[in-house]
Amino acid sequence: RLFHNMTALENTLVGMHSRLSGGIVRSILRTPGV
């Protein structure tokens, strides 16, 4: 169950989603922390 039209790196980043702390607002604002 891979995302076939995404790169190997992008597929691996999907796995990290549960461990990232960015949050929606910080992600939209592209803060230095994000």
PDB file of all heavy atoms in Angstrom:
ATOM      1  N   ARG A   1       0.839  -1.204   0.000  1.00  0.00           N
ATOM      2  CA  ARG A   1       0.000   0.000   0.000  1.00  0.00           C
ATOM      3  C   ARG A   1       0.872   1.252   0.000  1.00  0.00           C
ATOM      4  O   ARG A   1       0.936   1.982   0.974  1.00  0.00           O
ATOM      5  CB  ARG A   1      -0.924   0.005   1.221  1.00  0.00           C
ATOM      6  CG  ARG A   1      -1.949  -1.114   1.189  1.00  0.00           C
ATOM      7  CD  ARG A   1      -2.953  -0.958   2.301  1.00  0.00           C
ATOM      8  NE  ARG A   1      -3.829  -2.119   2.390  1.00  0.00           N
ATOM      9  CZ  ARG A   1      -4.781  -2.267   3.297  1.00  0.00           C
ATOM     10  NH1 ARG A   1      -4.971  -1.326   4.203  1.00  0.00           N
ATOM     11  NH2 ARG A   1      -5.527  -3.346   3.330  1.00  0.00           N
ATOM     12  N   LEU A   2       1.546   1.465  -1.098  1.00  0.00           N
ATOM     13  CA  LEU A   2       2.347   2.675  -1.257  1.00  0.00           C
ATOM     14  C   LEU A   2       1.558   3.691  -2.083  1.00  0.00           C
ATOM     15  O   LEU A   2       0.594   3.341  -2.764  1.00  0.00           O
ATOM     16  CB  LEU A   2       3.660   2.342  -1.987  1.00  0.00           C
ATOM     17  CG  LEU A   2       4.627   1.449  -1.228  1.00  0.00           C
ATOM     18  CD1 LEU A   2       5.750   0.991  -2.147  1.00  0.00           C
ATOM     19  CD2 LEU A   2       5.201   2.162  -0.009  1.00  0.00           C
ATOM     20  N   PHE A   3       1.993   4.960  -2.010  1.00  0.00           N
ATOM     21  CA  PHE A   3       1.431   5.983  -2.892  1.00  0.00           C
ATOM     22  C   PHE A   3       2.278   5.932  -4.168  1.00  0.00           C
ATOM     23  O   PHE A   3       3.396   6.460  -4.207  1.00  0.00           O
ATOM     24  CB  PHE A   3       1.488   7.357  -2.227  1.00  0.00           C
ATOM     25  CG  PHE A   3       0.631   7.435  -0.986  1.00  0.00           C
ATOM     26  CD1 PHE A   3       1.189   7.300   0.272  1.00  0.00           C
ATOM     27  CD2 PHE A   3      -0.738   7.626  -1.089  1.00  0.00           C
ATOM     28  CE1 PHE A   3       0.409   7.355   1.415  1.00  0.00           C
ATOM     29  CE2 PHE A   3      -1.540   7.689   0.049  1.00  0.00           C
ATOM     30  CZ  PHE A   3      -0.956   7.553   1.300  1.00  0.00           C
ATOM     31  N   HIS A   4       1.743   5.270  -5.203  1.00  0.00           N
ATOM     32  CA  HIS A   4       2.567   4.918  -6.367  1.00  0.00           C
ATOM     33  C   HIS A   4       3.020   6.122  -7.177  1.00  0.00           C
ATOM     34  O   HIS A   4       4.044   6.056  -7.850  1.00  0.00           O
ATOM     35  CB  HIS A   4       1.819   3.913  -7.239  1.00  0.00           C
ATOM     36  CG  HIS A   4       1.733   2.561  -6.608  1.00  0.00           C
ATOM     37  ND1 HIS A   4       2.820   1.723  -6.497  1.00  0.00           N
ATOM     38  CD2 HIS A   4       0.705   1.916  -6.005  1.00  0.00           C
ATOM     39  CE1 HIS A   4       2.472   0.618  -5.882  1.00  0.00           C
ATOM     40  NE2 HIS A   4       1.184   0.712  -5.553  1.00  0.00           N
ATOM     41  N   ASN A   5       2.267   7.223  -7.127  1.00  0.00           N
ATOM     42  CA  ASN A   5       2.650   8.405  -7.892  1.00  0.00           C
ATOM     43  C   ASN A   5       3.390   9.433  -7.043  1.00  0.00           C
ATOM     44  O   ASN A   5       3.492  10.600  -7.411  1.00  0.00           O
ATOM     45  CB  ASN A   5       1.418   9.035  -8.546  1.00  0.00           C
ATOM     46  CG  ASN A   5       0.795   8.106  -9.573  1.00  0.00           C
ATOM     47  OD1 ASN A   5       1.519   7.477 -10.345  1.00  0.00           O
ATOM     48  ND2 ASN A   5      -0.521   7.996  -9.573  1.00  0.00           N
ATOM     49  N   MET A   6       3.896   8.969  -5.897  1.00  0.00           N
ATOM     50  CA  MET A   6       4.761   9.796  -5.061  1.00  0.00           C
ATOM     51  C   MET A   6       6.144   9.168  -5.033  1.00  0.00           C
ATOM     52  O   MET A   6       6.307   7.969  -5.270  1.00  0.00           O
ATOM     53  CB  MET A   6       4.190   9.905  -3.640  1.00  0.00           C
ATOM     54  CG  MET A   6       2.941  10.779  -3.562  1.00  0.00           C
ATOM     55  SD  MET A   6       2.048  10.625  -1.985  1.00  0.00           S
ATOM     56  CE  MET A   6       3.259  11.180  -0.799  1.00  0.00           C
ATOM     57  N   THR A   7       7.154   9.979  -4.751  1.00  0.00           N
ATOM     58  CA  THR A   7       8.526   9.469  -4.725  1.00  0.00           C
ATOM     59  C   THR A   7       8.751   8.638  -3.466  1.00  0.00           C
ATOM     60  O   THR A   7       7.949   8.662  -2.524  1.00  0.00           O
ATOM     61  CB  THR A   7       9.543  10.623  -4.734  1.00  0.00           C
ATOM     62  OG1 THR A   7       9.398  11.370  -3.512  1.00  0.00           O
ATOM     63  CG2 THR A   7       9.337  11.542  -5.937  1.00  0.00           C
ATOM     64  N   ALA A   8       9.866   7.928  -3.477  1.00  0.00           N
ATOM     65  CA  ALA A   8      10.235   7.125  -2.303  1.00  0.00           C
ATOM     66  C   ALA A   8      10.374   8.023  -1.077  1.00  0.00           C
ATOM     67  O   ALA A   8       9.908   7.670   0.018  1.00  0.00           O
ATOM     68  CB  ALA A   8      11.551   6.387  -2.572  1.00  0.00           C
ATOM     69  N   LEU A   9      10.981   9.208  -1.265  1.00  0.00           N
ATOM     70  CA  LEU A   9      11.155  10.134  -0.146  1.00  0.00           C
ATOM     71  C   LEU A   9       9.796  10.614   0.378  1.00  0.00           C
ATOM     72  O   LEU A   9       9.564  10.637   1.591  1.00  0.00           O
ATOM     73  CB  LEU A   9      12.007  11.335  -0.568  1.00  0.00           C
ATOM     74  CG  LEU A   9      12.419  12.264   0.580  1.00  0.00           C
ATOM     75  CD1 LEU A   9      13.587  11.659   1.353  1.00  0.00           C
ATOM     76  CD2 LEU A   9      12.794  13.645   0.079  1.00  0.00           C
ATOM     77  N   GLU A  10       8.896  10.961  -0.544  1.00  0.00           N
ATOM     78  CA  GLU A  10       7.570  11.447  -0.135  1.00  0.00           C
ATOM     79  C   GLU A  10       6.793  10.364   0.603  1.00  0.00           C
ATOM     80  O   GLU A  10       6.105  10.637   1.587  1.00  0.00           O
ATOM     81  CB  GLU A  10       6.796  11.929  -1.365  1.00  0.00           C
ATOM     82  CG  GLU A  10       7.323  13.237  -1.943  1.00  0.00           C
ATOM     83  CD  GLU A  10       6.803  13.543  -3.333  1.00  0.00           C
ATOM     84  OE1 GLU A  10       6.284  12.624  -4.010  1.00  0.00           O
ATOM     85  OE2 GLU A  10       6.922  14.706  -3.772  1.00  0.00           O
ATOM     86  N   ASN A  11       6.880   9.115   0.129  1.00  0.00           N
ATOM     87  CA  ASN A  11       6.215   8.009   0.810  1.00  0.00           C
ATOM     88  C   ASN A  11       6.719   7.863   2.240  1.00  0.00           C
ATOM     89  O   ASN A  11       5.942   7.611   3.166  1.00  0.00           O
ATOM     90  CB  ASN A  11       6.433   6.701   0.048  1.00  0.00           C
ATOM     91  CG  ASN A  11       5.332   6.403  -0.945  1.00  0.00           C
ATOM     92  OD1 ASN A  11       4.259   5.938  -0.591  1.00  0.00           O
ATOM     93  ND2 ASN A  11       5.606   6.695  -2.206  1.00  0.00           N
ATOM     94  N   THR A  12       8.022   8.010   2.418  1.00  0.00           N
ATOM     95  CA  THR A  12       8.613   7.872   3.753  1.00  0.00           C
ATOM     96  C   THR A  12       8.179   9.022   4.657  1.00  0.00           C
ATOM     97  O   THR A  12       7.901   8.820   5.847  1.00  0.00           O
ATOM     98  CB  THR A  12      10.146   7.802   3.653  1.00  0.00           C
ATOM     99  OG1 THR A  12      10.507   6.805   2.692  1.00  0.00           O
ATOM    100  CG2 THR A  12      10.774   7.433   4.989  1.00  0.00           C
ATOM    101  N   LEU A  13       8.095  10.225   4.086  1.00  0.00           N
ATOM    102  CA  LEU A  13       7.645  11.386   4.860  1.00  0.00           C
ATOM    103  C   LEU A  13       6.213  11.203   5.371  1.00  0.00           C
ATOM    104  O   LEU A  13       5.877  11.671   6.459  1.00  0.00           O
ATOM    105  CB  LEU A  13       7.737  12.660   4.007  1.00  0.00           C
ATOM    106  CG  LEU A  13       9.146  13.235   3.814  1.00  0.00           C
ATOM    107  CD1 LEU A  13       9.159  14.294   2.717  1.00  0.00           C
ATOM    108  CD2 LEU A  13       9.664  13.837   5.124  1.00  0.00           C
ATOM    109  N   VAL A  14       5.379  10.499   4.593  1.00  0.00           N
ATOM    110  CA  VAL A  14       3.998  10.234   5.028  1.00  0.00           C
ATOM    111  C   VAL A  14       4.015   9.485   6.365  1.00  0.00           C
ATOM    112  O   VAL A  14       3.221   9.749   7.262  1.00  0.00           O
ATOM    113  CB  VAL A  14       3.226   9.424   3.957  1.00  0.00           C
ATOM    114  CG1 VAL A  14       1.908   8.897   4.512  1.00  0.00           C
ATOM    115  CG2 VAL A  14       2.964  10.293   2.739  1.00  0.00           C
ATOM    116  N   GLY A  15       4.968   8.541   6.502  1.00  0.00           N
ATOM    117  CA  GLY A  15       5.083   7.778   7.740  1.00  0.00           C
ATOM    118  C   GLY A  15       5.433   8.637   8.943  1.00  0.00           C
ATOM    119  O   GLY A  15       5.114   8.280  10.081  1.00  0.00           O
ATOM    120  N   MET A  16       6.084   9.759   8.688  1.00  0.00           N
ATOM    121  CA  MET A  16       6.503  10.636   9.789  1.00  0.00           C
ATOM    122  C   MET A  16       5.385  11.535  10.297  1.00  0.00           C
ATOM    123  O   MET A  16       5.542  12.189  11.330  1.00  0.00           O
ATOM    124  CB  MET A  16       7.662  11.532   9.329  1.00  0.00           C
ATOM    125  CG  MET A  16       8.934  10.767   9.166  1.00  0.00           C
ATOM    126  SD  MET A  16      10.281  11.879   8.786  1.00  0.00           S
ATOM    127  CE  MET A  16      11.539  10.661   8.469  1.00  0.00           C
ATOM    128  N   HIS A  17       4.271  11.549   9.586  1.00  0.00           N
ATOM    129  CA  HIS A  17       3.204  12.506   9.889  1.00  0.00           C
ATOM    130  C   HIS A  17       2.796  12.477  11.366  1.00  0.00           C
ATOM    131  O   HIS A  17       2.632  13.515  12.004  1.00  0.00           O
ATOM    132  CB  HIS A  17       1.985  12.220   9.005  1.00  0.00           C
ATOM    133  CG  HIS A  17       0.817  13.097   9.289  1.00  0.00           C
ATOM    134  ND1 HIS A  17       0.797  14.441   8.966  1.00  0.00           N
ATOM    135  CD2 HIS A  17      -0.371  12.841   9.894  1.00  0.00           C
ATOM    136  CE1 HIS A  17      -0.349  14.964   9.362  1.00  0.00           C
ATOM    137  NE2 HIS A  17      -1.077  14.024   9.923  1.00  0.00           N
ATOM    138  N   SER A  18       2.689  11.268  11.930  1.00  0.00           N
ATOM    139  CA  SER A  18       2.209  11.166  13.313  1.00  0.00           C
ATOM    140  C   SER A  18       3.224  11.700  14.324  1.00  0.00           C
ATOM    141  O   SER A  18       2.887  11.933  15.480  1.00  0.00           O
ATOM    142  CB  SER A  18       1.888   9.707  13.649  1.00  0.00           C
ATOM    143  OG  SER A  18       3.064   8.918  13.666  1.00  0.00           O
ATOM    144  N   ARG A  19       4.489  11.884  13.887  1.00  0.00           N
ATOM    145  CA  ARG A  19       5.536  12.347  14.813  1.00  0.00           C
ATOM    146  C   ARG A  19       5.879  13.824  14.638  1.00  0.00           C
ATOM    147  O   ARG A  19       6.674  14.364  15.390  1.00  0.00           O
ATOM    148  CB  ARG A  19       6.819  11.523  14.613  1.00  0.00           C
ATOM    149  CG  ARG A  19       6.636  10.024  14.844  1.00  0.00           C
ATOM    150  CD  ARG A  19       6.289   9.720  16.277  1.00  0.00           C
ATOM    151  NE  ARG A  19       6.044   8.301  16.478  1.00  0.00           N
ATOM    152  CZ  ARG A  19       5.447   7.787  17.538  1.00  0.00           C
ATOM    153  NH1 ARG A  19       5.003   8.584  18.487  1.00  0.00           N
ATOM    154  NH2 ARG A  19       5.269   6.490  17.653  1.00  0.00           N
ATOM    155  N   LEU A  20       5.293  14.484  13.625  1.00  0.00           N
ATOM    156  CA  LEU A  20       5.599  15.900  13.405  1.00  0.00           C
ATOM    157  C   LEU A  20       4.656  16.771  14.231  1.00  0.00           C
ATOM    158  O   LEU A  20       3.500  16.437  14.440  1.00  0.00           O
ATOM    159  CB  LEU A  20       5.473  16.254  11.919  1.00  0.00           C
ATOM    160  CG  LEU A  20       6.435  15.507  10.977  1.00  0.00           C
ATOM    161  CD1 LEU A  20       6.186  15.921   9.533  1.00  0.00           C
ATOM    162  CD2 LEU A  20       7.881  15.756  11.356  1.00  0.00           C
ATOM    163  N   SER A  21       5.162  17.898  14.689  1.00  0.00           N
ATOM    164  CA  SER A  21       4.381  18.733  15.613  1.00  0.00           C
ATOM    165  C   SER A  21       3.958  20.068  15.009  1.00  0.00           C
ATOM    166  O   SER A  21       3.476  20.938  15.704  1.00  0.00           O
ATOM    167  CB  SER A  21       5.217  18.995  16.873  1.00  0.00           C
ATOM    168  OG  SER A  21       6.438  19.628  16.531  1.00  0.00           O
ATOM    169  N   GLY A  22       4.140  20.233  13.687  1.00  0.00           N
ATOM    170  CA  GLY A  22       3.923  21.528  13.048  1.00  0.00           C
ATOM    171  C   GLY A  22       2.575  22.165  13.317  1.00  0.00           C
ATOM    172  O   GLY A  22       2.487  23.323  13.689  1.00  0.00           O
ATOM    173  N   GLY A  23       1.490  21.427  13.125  1.00  0.00           N
ATOM    174  CA  GLY A  23       0.165  22.005  13.310  1.00  0.00           C
ATOM    175  C   GLY A  23      -0.264  22.793  12.081  1.00  0.00           C
ATOM    176  O   GLY A  23       0.560  23.299  11.328  1.00  0.00           O
ATOM    177  N   ILE A  24      -1.571  22.938  11.896  1.00  0.00           N
ATOM    178  CA  ILE A  24      -2.096  23.548  10.666  1.00  0.00           C
ATOM    179  C   ILE A  24      -1.693  25.016  10.546  1.00  0.00           C
ATOM    180  O   ILE A  24      -1.196  25.465   9.508  1.00  0.00           O
ATOM    181  CB  ILE A  24      -3.634  23.412  10.619  1.00  0.00           C
ATOM    182  CG1 ILE A  24      -4.011  21.922  10.481  1.00  0.00           C
ATOM    183  CG2 ILE A  24      -4.223  24.207   9.466  1.00  0.00           C
ATOM    184  CD1 ILE A  24      -5.485  21.639  10.626  1.00  0.00           C
ATOM    185  N   VAL A  25      -1.890  25.798  11.605  1.00  0.00           N
ATOM    186  CA  VAL A  25      -1.617  27.245  11.530  1.00  0.00           C
ATOM    187  C   VAL A  25      -0.144  27.498  11.251  1.00  0.00           C
ATOM    188  O   VAL A  25       0.206  28.276  10.354  1.00  0.00           O
ATOM    189  CB  VAL A  25      -2.045  27.946  12.844  1.00  0.00           C
ATOM    190  CG1 VAL A  25      -1.627  29.412  12.813  1.00  0.00           C
ATOM    191  CG2 VAL A  25      -3.559  27.841  13.029  1.00  0.00           C
ATOM    192  N   ARG A  26       0.727  26.829  12.009  1.00  0.00           N
ATOM    193  CA  ARG A  26       2.177  27.024  11.801  1.00  0.00           C
ATOM    194  C   ARG A  26       2.584  26.588  10.402  1.00  0.00           C
ATOM    195  O   ARG A  26       3.463  27.191   9.782  1.00  0.00           O
ATOM    196  CB  ARG A  26       2.968  26.237  12.849  1.00  0.00           C
ATOM    197  CG  ARG A  26       2.892  26.830  14.255  1.00  0.00           C
ATOM    198  CD  ARG A  26       3.590  25.952  15.270  1.00  0.00           C
ATOM    199  NE  ARG A  26       4.996  25.804  14.974  1.00  0.00           N
ATOM    200  CZ  ARG A  26       5.740  24.776  15.380  1.00  0.00           C
ATOM    201  NH1 ARG A  26       5.186  23.805  16.080  1.00  0.00           N
ATOM    202  NH2 ARG A  26       7.014  24.710  15.090  1.00  0.00           N
ATOM    203  N   SER A  27       1.938  25.533   9.875  1.00  0.00           N
ATOM    204  CA  SER A  27       2.277  25.050   8.530  1.00  0.00           C
ATOM    205  C   SER A  27       1.860  26.059   7.466  1.00  0.00           C
ATOM    206  O   SER A  27       2.592  26.311   6.507  1.00  0.00           O
ATOM    207  CB  SER A  27       1.593  23.706   8.262  1.00  0.00           C
ATOM    208  OG  SER A  27       2.081  22.722   9.148  1.00  0.00           O
ATOM    209  N   ILE A  28       0.689  26.663   7.632  1.00  0.00           N
ATOM    210  CA  ILE A  28       0.213  27.665   6.658  1.00  0.00           C
ATOM    211  C   ILE A  28       1.113  28.896   6.686  1.00  0.00           C
ATOM    212  O   ILE A  28       1.475  29.452   5.648  1.00  0.00           O
ATOM    213  CB  ILE A  28      -1.256  28.058   6.969  1.00  0.00           C
ATOM    214  CG1 ILE A  28      -2.184  26.868   6.668  1.00  0.00           C
ATOM    215  CG2 ILE A  28      -1.679  29.272   6.154  1.00  0.00           C
ATOM    216  CD1 ILE A  28      -3.615  27.060   7.152  1.00  0.00           C
ATOM    217  N   LEU A  29       1.486  29.312   7.894  1.00  0.00           N
ATOM    218  CA  LEU A  29       2.310  30.517   8.036  1.00  0.00           C
ATOM    219  C   LEU A  29       3.780  30.269   7.704  1.00  0.00           C
ATOM    220  O   LEU A  29       4.553  31.215   7.577  1.00  0.00           O
ATOM    221  CB  LEU A  29       2.206  31.065   9.464  1.00  0.00           C
ATOM    222  CG  LEU A  29       0.814  31.562   9.890  1.00  0.00           C
ATOM    223  CD1 LEU A  29       0.824  31.985  11.343  1.00  0.00           C
ATOM    224  CD2 LEU A  29       0.377  32.736   8.999  1.00  0.00           C
ATOM    225  N   ARG A  30       4.139  28.961   7.545  1.00  0.00           N
ATOM    226  CA  ARG A  30       5.525  28.586   7.226  1.00  0.00           C
ATOM    227  C   ARG A  30       6.499  29.213   8.214  1.00  0.00           C
ATOM    228  O   ARG A  30       7.456  29.898   7.839  1.00  0.00           O
ATOM    229  CB  ARG A  30       5.888  29.008   5.788  1.00  0.00           C
ATOM    230  CG  ARG A  30       5.006  28.428   4.717  1.00  0.00           C
ATOM    231  CD  ARG A  30       5.319  26.984   4.422  1.00  0.00           C
ATOM    232  NE  ARG A  30       6.652  26.809   3.886  1.00  0.00           N
ATOM    233  CZ  ARG A  30       7.374  25.699   4.008  1.00  0.00           C
ATOM    234  NH1 ARG A  30       6.882  24.681   4.670  1.00  0.00           N
ATOM    235  NH2 ARG A  30       8.568  25.617   3.486  1.00  0.00           N
ATOM    236  N   THR A  31       6.245  29.024   9.491  1.00  0.00           N
ATOM    237  CA  THR A  31       7.117  29.591  10.523  1.00  0.00           C
ATOM    238  C   THR A  31       8.498  28.934  10.456  1.00  0.00           C
ATOM    239  O   THR A  31       8.649  27.830   9.924  1.00  0.00           O
ATOM    240  CB  THR A  31       6.523  29.344  11.922  1.00  0.00           C
ATOM    241  OG1 THR A  31       6.488  27.933  12.171  1.00  0.00           O
ATOM    242  CG2 THR A  31       5.120  29.919  12.048  1.00  0.00           C
ATOM    243  N   PRO A  32       9.524  29.619  11.008  1.00  0.00           N
ATOM    244  CA  PRO A  32      10.882  29.035  11.005  1.00  0.00           C
ATOM    245  C   PRO A  32      10.915  27.653  11.639  1.00  0.00           C
ATOM    246  O   PRO A  32      11.642  26.774  11.176  1.00  0.00           O
ATOM    247  CB  PRO A  32      11.697  30.044  11.818  1.00  0.00           C
ATOM    248  CG  PRO A  32      10.965  31.342  11.665  1.00  0.00           C
ATOM    249  CD  PRO A  32       9.528  30.987  11.561  1.00  0.00           C
ATOM    250  N   GLY A  33      10.113  27.457  12.675  1.00  0.00           N
ATOM    251  CA  GLY A  33      10.077  26.154  13.342  1.00  0.00           C
ATOM    252  C   GLY A  33       9.601  25.057  12.404  1.00  0.00           C
ATOM    253  O   GLY A  33      10.139  23.943  12.396  1.00  0.00           O
ATOM    254  N   VAL A  34       8.574  25.383  11.602  1.00  0.00           N
ATOM    255  CA  VAL A  34       8.035  24.413  10.652  1.00  0.00           C
ATOM    256  C   VAL A  34       9.059  24.106   9.567  1.00  0.00           C
ATOM    257  O   VAL A  34       9.278  22.944   9.198  1.00  0.00           O
ATOM    258  CB  VAL A  34       6.719  24.925  10.025  1.00  0.00           C
ATOM    259  CG1 VAL A  34       6.345  24.119   8.785  1.00  0.00           C
ATOM    260  CG2 VAL A  34       5.593  24.856  11.039  1.00  0.00           C
TER     261      VAL A  34
END
